[in-house]
Amino acid sequence: MTTGATSRLASKPMTIDEAYDEPGNFLEIDVVNPETHGIANKRYTDYEIKMRTSLPIFKLKESSVRRRYSDFEWLKGELERDSKIVVPPLPGKAISRQLPFRGDQGIYDEDFIEERRQALEAFLNRIVGHPLAQNERCLHMFMQDPVIDRNYVPGKVRPPQP
């Protein structure tokens, strides 16, 4: 028999549909479909960021935007300046991969792009999953607005009132 702090909470029986239904609050973020654009020294790679959520703090329950590495750097800088959270590191800039006369495609190599995609996805999942970061206007703009307004006014987002 259990007592006090070790006793189990009583739970109501679930139907099979309830057990396999979407959880009450969920947040899914995927960084997918990297695309390289441009030619010569005007090339860049961007990534599609897909988000699905039931969290009331986000105005859109599903969104898809494209962002490049420099946009991730902007988000990290904004969060470090304006929020009270410890922002995880981004994957490195890969300076050595940008040197001329390499035997591969450098930062446009498929394996490198895939490694970076995975690291950017992990970065975003850590940030967006943080309850304090979810209130930051810069995060909402990054995740859901087609274009980032770099002249925005920093601040907090409030969940809609019922």
Protein backbone atom coordinates (compact mmCIF):
# COMPACT_ATOMS: atom_id res chain seq x y z
CA MET A 1 0.00 0.00 0.00
CA THR A 2 1.29 3.49 -0.85
CA THR A 3 1.08 6.52 1.36
CA GLY A 4 1.35 10.28 1.14
CA ALA A 5 3.85 11.50 -1.45
CA THR A 6 4.14 8.15 -3.19
CA SER A 7 0.46 7.47 -3.81
CA ARG A 8 -0.88 7.48 -7.36
CA LEU A 9 -3.30 10.06 -8.60
CA ALA A 10 -6.70 8.66 -9.44
CA SER A 11 -7.31 8.72 -13.18
CA LYS A 12 -10.56 8.30 -15.02
CA PRO A 13 -10.85 5.37 -17.43
CA MET A 14 -10.18 6.29 -21.09
CA THR A 15 -11.85 5.05 -24.21
CA ILE A 16 -9.62 3.71 -26.98
CA ASP A 17 -10.33 6.85 -29.05
CA GLU A 18 -9.25 9.13 -26.18
CA ALA A 19 -6.07 7.14 -25.64
CA TYR A 20 -4.96 7.57 -29.26
CA ASP A 21 -6.32 11.06 -29.87
CA GLU A 22 -4.05 14.12 -30.20
CA PRO A 23 -2.90 15.37 -26.80
CA GLY A 24 -4.62 18.45 -25.36
CA ASN A 25 -1.60 20.71 -25.91
CA PHE A 26 0.84 19.78 -28.62
CA LEU A 27 3.60 21.49 -30.56
CA GLU A 28 5.29 19.96 -33.59
CA ILE A 29 8.13 21.66 -35.44
CA ASP A 30 9.87 20.29 -38.49
CA VAL A 31 12.66 21.88 -40.51
CA VAL A 32 12.38 20.32 -43.97
CA ASN A 33 12.89 20.80 -47.71
CA PRO A 34 16.21 22.65 -47.88
CA GLU A 35 16.62 24.55 -51.16
CA THR A 36 19.72 26.25 -52.53
CA HIS A 37 19.11 29.41 -54.57
CA GLY A 38 21.29 31.72 -56.66
CA ILE A 39 24.64 31.30 -58.41
CA ALA A 40 28.32 31.78 -57.59
CA ASN A 41 28.88 33.92 -54.49
CA LYS A 42 25.17 34.89 -54.36
CA ARG A 43 24.09 31.37 -53.34
CA TYR A 44 22.22 30.56 -50.16
CA THR A 45 20.20 27.70 -48.73
CA ASP A 46 16.87 28.14 -47.00
CA TYR A 47 14.71 25.69 -45.10
CA GLU A 48 10.98 25.24 -44.72
CA ILE A 49 9.78 25.46 -41.12
CA LYS A 50 6.49 23.70 -40.50
CA MET A 51 4.66 24.14 -37.23
CA ARG A 52 1.49 22.53 -35.90
CA THR A 53 0.20 23.40 -32.47
CA SER A 54 -2.83 23.57 -30.26
CA LEU A 55 -1.19 26.05 -27.87
CA PRO A 56 -3.41 29.14 -27.55
CA ILE A 57 -0.44 31.54 -27.52
CA PHE A 58 0.07 31.02 -31.30
CA LYS A 59 -2.36 32.79 -33.63
CA LEU A 60 -2.00 30.16 -36.38
CA LYS A 61 -2.47 26.49 -35.56
CA GLU A 62 -0.53 25.46 -38.67
CA SER A 63 2.12 27.47 -40.46
CA SER A 64 4.90 27.05 -42.99
CA VAL A 65 7.64 29.62 -43.65
CA ARG A 66 11.06 29.55 -45.32
CA ARG A 67 14.13 30.77 -43.42
CA ARG A 68 17.83 30.93 -44.11
CA TYR A 69 20.67 30.52 -41.61
CA SER A 70 21.01 34.29 -41.13
CA ASP A 71 17.35 34.39 -40.01
CA PHE A 72 18.15 31.84 -37.31
CA GLU A 73 21.07 34.05 -36.22
CA TRP A 74 18.67 37.02 -36.04
CA LEU A 75 16.23 35.04 -33.86
CA LYS A 76 18.99 33.92 -31.52
CA GLY A 77 20.24 37.50 -31.15
CA GLU A 78 16.74 38.86 -30.46
CA LEU A 79 16.03 36.22 -27.83
CA GLU A 80 19.39 36.79 -26.12
CA ARG A 81 18.74 40.53 -26.00
CA ASP A 82 15.08 40.58 -24.99
CA SER A 83 14.22 37.40 -23.10
CA LYS A 84 15.22 35.86 -19.81
CA ILE A 85 15.99 32.41 -21.21
CA VAL A 86 19.32 30.78 -21.91
CA VAL A 87 19.37 30.45 -25.69
CA PRO A 88 21.02 27.25 -26.97
CA PRO A 89 23.82 27.55 -29.51
CA LEU A 90 23.21 27.42 -33.24
CA PRO A 91 25.21 25.04 -35.41
CA GLY A 92 28.46 26.73 -36.46
CA LYS A 93 28.88 28.98 -39.50
CA ALA A 94 31.18 26.43 -41.16
CA ILE A 95 33.78 29.00 -42.20
CA SER A 96 36.21 26.29 -43.34
CA ARG A 97 33.58 24.94 -45.74
CA GLN A 98 33.43 28.36 -47.44
CA LEU A 99 37.12 28.40 -48.41
CA PRO A 100 37.95 28.19 -52.13
CA PHE A 101 39.60 25.19 -53.77
CA ARG A 102 37.82 22.58 -51.71
CA GLY A 103 37.18 19.20 -53.27
CA ASP A 104 33.47 19.30 -52.43
CA GLN A 105 30.53 21.71 -52.62
CA GLY A 106 31.39 23.28 -49.24
CA ILE A 107 28.30 24.63 -47.48
CA TYR A 108 26.18 23.48 -50.45
CA ASP A 109 27.19 19.82 -50.02
CA GLU A 110 24.08 17.65 -49.45
CA ASP A 111 25.52 15.96 -46.35
CA PHE A 112 26.39 19.31 -44.78
CA ILE A 113 22.95 20.74 -45.57
CA GLU A 114 21.29 17.70 -43.97
CA GLU A 115 23.46 17.96 -40.83
CA ARG A 116 22.65 21.66 -40.55
CA ARG A 117 18.93 21.00 -41.11
CA GLN A 118 18.89 18.51 -38.24
CA ALA A 119 20.78 20.90 -35.94
CA LEU A 120 18.47 23.83 -36.81
CA GLU A 121 15.43 21.65 -36.11
CA ALA A 122 16.84 20.66 -32.71
CA PHE A 123 17.60 24.35 -31.96
CA LEU A 124 14.05 25.44 -32.83
CA ASN A 125 12.42 22.63 -30.86
CA ARG A 126 14.37 23.63 -27.75
CA ILE A 127 13.47 27.32 -28.16
CA VAL A 128 9.82 27.00 -29.14
CA GLY A 129 9.19 24.42 -26.42
CA HIS A 130 10.32 26.87 -23.73
CA PRO A 131 7.29 28.51 -22.06
CA LEU A 132 9.00 31.90 -21.64
CA ALA A 133 10.22 32.00 -25.25
CA GLN A 134 6.68 31.29 -26.46
CA ASN A 135 5.70 34.80 -25.31
CA GLU A 136 8.32 36.60 -27.40
CA ARG A 137 7.05 38.54 -30.42
CA CYS A 138 10.24 37.80 -32.39
CA LEU A 139 9.63 34.06 -32.07
CA HIS A 140 6.07 34.37 -33.36
CA MET A 141 7.23 36.45 -36.30
CA PHE A 142 10.03 33.96 -37.08
CA MET A 143 7.72 30.95 -36.90
CA GLN A 144 4.57 32.27 -38.55
CA ASP A 145 5.06 35.46 -40.59
CA PRO A 146 6.09 34.99 -44.23
CA VAL A 147 8.53 37.93 -43.97
CA ILE A 148 10.51 38.93 -40.88
CA ASP A 149 10.12 42.62 -40.07
CA ARG A 150 13.53 43.47 -38.64
CA ASN A 151 12.18 46.88 -37.57
CA TYR A 152 9.52 45.34 -35.33
CA VAL A 153 8.97 46.55 -31.77
CA PRO A 154 10.18 43.85 -29.34
CA GLY A 155 7.68 42.72 -26.78
CA LYS A 156 5.53 39.96 -25.41
CA VAL A 157 2.64 38.18 -27.08
CA ARG A 158 -0.40 37.58 -24.92
CA PRO A 159 -2.69 34.61 -25.44
CA PRO A 160 -6.15 35.52 -26.70
CA GLN A 161 -8.72 36.01 -23.96
CA PRO A 162 -11.83 33.80 -24.20
